[in-house]
Amino acid sequence: MSVRKEKAPQILHRAAMAVDKLRLGDFIRDNAAMIRPKIESADAVVTGSLYDNDAIFLAKALPIANGVIHIGSDRFALKEAMAWLRNQWKDPQPDAMTVLSALTLIHIAVQAKSEYERANEAEKLATWSRIVQRVTNLVQPKQTPMVFPTDPPPANATS
């Protein structure tokens, strides 16, 4: 079993806990029609492009999740969630807002994928399956380096 699959239940549990600590569950559910298209748009930007990579997606999607936290949570819940996160994390201490944004994004993605799976909406399910795959890279980075089309081939490549 891969490290990514072993960590998946743990990270999904932590994502759900973060959303719970932030008291965002109702907000995310009630505003899914506004939140999801923004994340889908971030996915559409990189899907099929020359630079179809997860880093660009995450650079566009994490601020959306951060906005969800700032709009949907309150100061007390945010403070509590940040303290919870710092207690969970070993040194070095992470930037709590970045990690909370990542966990919130994971939660939104998994929730959307599950909903579209239950509703049997093939197009939305394909989009959110791809998004879930992208956010799993927050848990375990790819082992291969990012390659740009203009990069020279590796020295050991054969033509």
C-alpha atoms as a PDB file:
ATOM      1  CA  MET A   1       0.000   0.000   0.000  1.00  0.00           C
ATOM      2  CA  SER A   2       1.339   3.443  -0.880  1.00  0.00           C
ATOM      3  CA  VAL A   3       2.110   6.115   1.696  1.00  0.00           C
ATOM      4  CA  ARG A   4      -0.549   8.291   0.075  1.00  0.00           C
ATOM      5  CA  LYS A   5      -3.269   5.635   0.559  1.00  0.00           C
ATOM      6  CA  GLU A   6      -2.149   4.953   4.123  1.00  0.00           C
ATOM      7  CA  LYS A   7      -2.338   8.667   4.987  1.00  0.00           C
ATOM      8  CA  ALA A   8      -5.659   9.273   3.213  1.00  0.00           C
ATOM      9  CA  PRO A   9      -8.020   8.285   6.075  1.00  0.00           C
ATOM     10  CA  GLN A  10      -5.891  10.219   8.558  1.00  0.00           C
ATOM     11  CA  ILE A  11      -5.824  13.387   6.463  1.00  0.00           C
ATOM     12  CA  LEU A  12      -9.555  13.139   5.693  1.00  0.00           C
ATOM     13  CA  HIS A  13     -10.228  12.849   9.421  1.00  0.00           C
ATOM     14  CA  ARG A  14      -7.989  15.858  10.135  1.00  0.00           C
ATOM     15  CA  ALA A  15      -9.663  17.853   7.359  1.00  0.00           C
ATOM     16  CA  ALA A  16     -13.092  17.101   8.842  1.00  0.00           C
ATOM     17  CA  MET A  17     -11.821  18.019  12.312  1.00  0.00           C
ATOM     18  CA  ALA A  18     -10.375  21.309  11.041  1.00  0.00           C
ATOM     19  CA  VAL A  19     -13.661  22.234   9.358  1.00  0.00           C
ATOM     20  CA  ASP A  20     -15.487  21.281  12.562  1.00  0.00           C
ATOM     21  CA  LYS A  21     -13.129  23.367  14.735  1.00  0.00           C
ATOM     22  CA  LEU A  22     -13.570  26.292  12.338  1.00  0.00           C
ATOM     23  CA  ARG A  23     -17.358  25.744  12.478  1.00  0.00           C
ATOM     24  CA  LEU A  24     -17.504  25.798   8.689  1.00  0.00           C
ATOM     25  CA  GLY A  25     -19.664  22.737   7.951  1.00  0.00           C
ATOM     26  CA  ASP A  26     -22.954  24.590   7.552  1.00  0.00           C
ATOM     27  CA  PHE A  27     -21.307  27.503   5.746  1.00  0.00           C
ATOM     28  CA  ILE A  28     -19.642  25.213   3.186  1.00  0.00           C
ATOM     29  CA  ARG A  29     -22.852  23.250   2.638  1.00  0.00           C
ATOM     30  CA  ASP A  30     -25.041  26.372   2.386  1.00  0.00           C
ATOM     31  CA  ASN A  31     -22.630  28.137   0.019  1.00  0.00           C
ATOM     32  CA  ALA A  32     -21.493  25.195  -2.119  1.00  0.00           C
ATOM     33  CA  ALA A  33     -23.102  26.759  -5.213  1.00  0.00           C
ATOM     34  CA  MET A  34     -20.812  29.775  -4.775  1.00  0.00           C
ATOM     35  CA  ILE A  35     -17.638  28.023  -3.559  1.00  0.00           C
ATOM     36  CA  ARG A  36     -17.430  25.041  -5.908  1.00  0.00           C
ATOM     37  CA  PRO A  37     -17.449  26.963  -9.222  1.00  0.00           C
ATOM     38  CA  LYS A  38     -14.464  29.002  -8.029  1.00  0.00           C
ATOM     39  CA  ILE A  39     -12.500  25.819  -7.312  1.00  0.00           C
ATOM     40  CA  GLU A  40     -13.685  24.266 -10.590  1.00  0.00           C
ATOM     41  CA  SER A  41     -12.402  27.378 -12.353  1.00  0.00           C
ATOM     42  CA  ALA A  42      -8.960  26.896 -10.787  1.00  0.00           C
ATOM     43  CA  ASP A  43      -8.991  23.315 -12.080  1.00  0.00           C
ATOM     44  CA  ALA A  44     -10.109  24.406 -15.554  1.00  0.00           C
ATOM     45  CA  VAL A  45      -7.186  26.835 -15.818  1.00  0.00           C
ATOM     46  CA  VAL A  46      -4.630  24.034 -15.621  1.00  0.00           C
ATOM     47  CA  THR A  47      -6.540  21.126 -17.139  1.00  0.00           C
ATOM     48  CA  GLY A  48      -5.303  20.577 -20.664  1.00  0.00           C
ATOM     49  CA  SER A  49      -2.809  23.424 -20.542  1.00  0.00           C
ATOM     50  CA  LEU A  50       0.884  23.059 -21.317  1.00  0.00           C
ATOM     51  CA  TYR A  51       1.503  23.388 -17.600  1.00  0.00           C
ATOM     52  CA  ASP A  52      -1.179  20.998 -16.333  1.00  0.00           C
ATOM     53  CA  ASN A  53       0.220  20.699 -12.861  1.00  0.00           C
ATOM     54  CA  ASP A  54      -1.020  20.655  -9.344  1.00  0.00           C
ATOM     55  CA  ALA A  55       1.153  23.528  -8.122  1.00  0.00           C
ATOM     56  CA  ILE A  56      -0.706  26.062 -10.272  1.00  0.00           C
ATOM     57  CA  PHE A  57      -4.053  24.601  -9.214  1.00  0.00           C
ATOM     58  CA  LEU A  58      -3.110  24.815  -5.550  1.00  0.00           C
ATOM     59  CA  ALA A  59      -1.827  28.371  -5.960  1.00  0.00           C
ATOM     60  CA  LYS A  60      -5.261  29.328  -7.288  1.00  0.00           C
ATOM     61  CA  ALA A  61      -7.416  27.147  -4.997  1.00  0.00           C
ATOM     62  CA  LEU A  62      -5.794  27.672  -1.586  1.00  0.00           C
ATOM     63  CA  PRO A  63      -6.743  31.387  -1.466  1.00  0.00           C
ATOM     64  CA  ILE A  64     -10.352  30.350  -2.161  1.00  0.00           C
ATOM     65  CA  ALA A  65     -10.273  28.017   0.846  1.00  0.00           C
ATOM     66  CA  ASN A  66      -8.620  30.766   2.887  1.00  0.00           C
ATOM     67  CA  GLY A  67     -11.479  33.098   1.925  1.00  0.00           C
ATOM     68  CA  VAL A  68     -14.012  30.474   2.999  1.00  0.00           C
ATOM     69  CA  ILE A  69     -12.331  30.388   6.410  1.00  0.00           C
ATOM     70  CA  HIS A  70     -12.264  34.175   6.796  1.00  0.00           C
ATOM     71  CA  ILE A  71     -15.868  34.645   5.691  1.00  0.00           C
ATOM     72  CA  GLY A  72     -17.461  31.545   7.213  1.00  0.00           C
ATOM     73  CA  SER A  73     -15.643  31.226  10.525  1.00  0.00           C
ATOM     74  CA  ASP A  74     -15.375  33.589  13.485  1.00  0.00           C
ATOM     75  CA  ARG A  75     -12.380  34.785  15.483  1.00  0.00           C
ATOM     76  CA  PHE A  76     -12.959  32.436  18.401  1.00  0.00           C
ATOM     77  CA  ALA A  77     -13.300  29.368  16.166  1.00  0.00           C
ATOM     78  CA  LEU A  78     -10.276  30.391  14.101  1.00  0.00           C
ATOM     79  CA  LYS A  79      -8.178  30.870  17.238  1.00  0.00           C
ATOM     80  CA  GLU A  80      -9.324  27.488  18.562  1.00  0.00           C
ATOM     81  CA  ALA A  81      -8.553  25.751  15.263  1.00  0.00           C
ATOM     82  CA  MET A  82      -5.097  27.314  15.103  1.00  0.00           C
ATOM     83  CA  ALA A  83      -4.341  26.172  18.664  1.00  0.00           C
ATOM     84  CA  TRP A  84      -5.598  22.657  17.850  1.00  0.00           C
ATOM     85  CA  LEU A  85      -3.388  22.544  14.777  1.00  0.00           C
ATOM     86  CA  ARG A  86      -0.295  23.704  16.639  1.00  0.00           C
ATOM     87  CA  ASN A  87      -0.900  21.050  19.303  1.00  0.00           C
ATOM     88  CA  GLN A  88      -1.195  18.362  16.621  1.00  0.00           C
ATOM     89  CA  TRP A  89       1.938  19.346  14.717  1.00  0.00           C
ATOM     90  CA  LYS A  90       5.473  18.434  15.644  1.00  0.00           C
ATOM     91  CA  ASP A  91       8.282  20.931  15.164  1.00  0.00           C
ATOM     92  CA  PRO A  92       8.812  22.886  13.056  1.00  0.00           C
ATOM     93  CA  GLN A  93       5.505  24.658  13.562  1.00  0.00           C
ATOM     94  CA  PRO A  94       3.676  25.227  10.278  1.00  0.00           C
ATOM     95  CA  ASP A  95       1.916  28.368   9.149  1.00  0.00           C
ATOM     96  CA  ALA A  96      -1.448  27.520  10.689  1.00  0.00           C
ATOM     97  CA  MET A  97      -3.561  29.459   8.166  1.00  0.00           C
ATOM     98  CA  THR A  98      -1.905  27.702   5.235  1.00  0.00           C
ATOM     99  CA  VAL A  99      -2.489  24.274   6.745  1.00  0.00           C
ATOM    100  CA  LEU A 100      -6.076  25.116   7.741  1.00  0.00           C
ATOM    101  CA  SER A 101      -6.709  26.355   4.196  1.00  0.00           C
ATOM    102  CA  ALA A 102      -5.286  23.122   2.778  1.00  0.00           C
ATOM    103  CA  LEU A 103      -7.410  20.990   5.117  1.00  0.00           C
ATOM    104  CA  THR A 104     -10.500  23.033   4.255  1.00  0.00           C
ATOM    105  CA  LEU A 105      -9.799  22.602   0.533  1.00  0.00           C
ATOM    106  CA  ILE A 106      -9.404  18.838   0.992  1.00  0.00           C
ATOM    107  CA  HIS A 107     -12.707  18.712   2.884  1.00  0.00           C
ATOM    108  CA  ILE A 108     -14.564  20.711   0.228  1.00  0.00           C
ATOM    109  CA  ALA A 109     -13.140  18.552  -2.576  1.00  0.00           C
ATOM    110  CA  VAL A 110     -13.936  15.212  -0.952  1.00  0.00           C
ATOM    111  CA  GLN A 111     -17.409  16.399   0.035  1.00  0.00           C
ATOM    112  CA  ALA A 112     -18.164  17.604  -3.512  1.00  0.00           C
ATOM    113  CA  LYS A 113     -16.853  14.400  -5.097  1.00  0.00           C
ATOM    114  CA  SER A 114     -18.996  12.271  -2.775  1.00  0.00           C
ATOM    115  CA  GLU A 115     -22.078  14.353  -3.511  1.00  0.00           C
ATOM    116  CA  TYR A 116     -21.634  14.106  -7.282  1.00  0.00           C
ATOM    117  CA  GLU A 117     -20.935  10.389  -6.962  1.00  0.00           C
ATOM    118  CA  ARG A 118     -24.241   9.873  -5.103  1.00  0.00           C
ATOM    119  CA  ALA A 119     -26.095  12.071  -7.624  1.00  0.00           C
ATOM    120  CA  ASN A 120     -24.507  10.158 -10.521  1.00  0.00           C
ATOM    121  CA  GLU A 121     -23.440  13.395 -12.228  1.00  0.00           C
ATOM    122  CA  ALA A 122     -20.676  12.089 -14.489  1.00  0.00           C
ATOM    123  CA  GLU A 123     -19.224  15.405 -15.681  1.00  0.00           C
ATOM    124  CA  LYS A 124     -19.073  16.964 -12.208  1.00  0.00           C
ATOM    125  CA  LEU A 125     -17.773  13.689 -10.776  1.00  0.00           C
ATOM    126  CA  ALA A 126     -14.920  13.667 -13.316  1.00  0.00           C
ATOM    127  CA  THR A 127     -14.019  17.259 -12.424  1.00  0.00           C
ATOM    128  CA  TRP A 128     -14.095  16.683  -8.678  1.00  0.00           C
ATOM    129  CA  SER A 129     -12.269  13.354  -8.949  1.00  0.00           C
ATOM    130  CA  ARG A 130      -9.480  15.257 -10.692  1.00  0.00           C
ATOM    131  CA  ILE A 131      -9.576  17.962  -8.003  1.00  0.00           C
ATOM    132  CA  VAL A 132      -9.411  15.354  -5.225  1.00  0.00           C
ATOM    133  CA  GLN A 133      -6.393  13.846  -6.982  1.00  0.00           C
ATOM    134  CA  ARG A 134      -4.785  17.282  -7.101  1.00  0.00           C
ATOM    135  CA  VAL A 135      -5.363  17.964  -3.399  1.00  0.00           C
ATOM    136  CA  THR A 136      -3.971  14.572  -2.394  1.00  0.00           C
ATOM    137  CA  ASN A 137      -0.631  16.047  -3.416  1.00  0.00           C
ATOM    138  CA  LEU A 138      -0.939  18.223  -0.318  1.00  0.00           C
ATOM    139  CA  VAL A 139      -0.548  15.004   1.656  1.00  0.00           C
ATOM    140  CA  GLN A 140       2.218  13.357  -0.346  1.00  0.00           C
ATOM    141  CA  PRO A 141       4.142  15.282  -2.990  1.00  0.00           C
ATOM    142  CA  LYS A 142       4.834  13.589  -6.284  1.00  0.00           C
ATOM    143  CA  GLN A 143       8.128  11.772  -6.472  1.00  0.00           C
ATOM    144  CA  THR A 144       8.871  13.101  -9.962  1.00  0.00           C
ATOM    145  CA  PRO A 145      10.081  16.673 -10.453  1.00  0.00           C
ATOM    146  CA  MET A 146       7.946  19.194 -12.299  1.00  0.00           C
ATOM    147  CA  VAL A 147       9.097  19.365 -15.928  1.00  0.00           C
ATOM    148  CA  PHE A 148       8.352  22.261 -18.248  1.00  0.00           C
ATOM    149  CA  PRO A 149       7.982  21.696 -22.007  1.00  0.00           C
ATOM    150  CA  THR A 150      10.995  23.942 -22.625  1.00  0.00           C
ATOM    151  CA  ASP A 151      13.274  21.957 -20.289  1.00  0.00           C
ATOM    152  CA  PRO A 152      15.995  19.903 -21.968  1.00  0.00           C
ATOM    153  CA  PRO A 153      15.499  16.135 -21.733  1.00  0.00           C
ATOM    154  CA  PRO A 154      17.185  14.368 -18.812  1.00  0.00           C
ATOM    155  CA  ALA A 155      20.774  13.226 -19.455  1.00  0.00           C
ATOM    156  CA  ASN A 156      19.777   9.545 -19.313  1.00  0.00           C
ATOM    157  CA  ALA A 157      16.895   9.902 -21.814  1.00  0.00           C
ATOM    158  CA  THR A 158      17.163   8.055 -25.092  1.00  0.00           C
ATOM    159  CA  SER A 159      15.831   9.436 -28.349  1.00  0.00           C
END
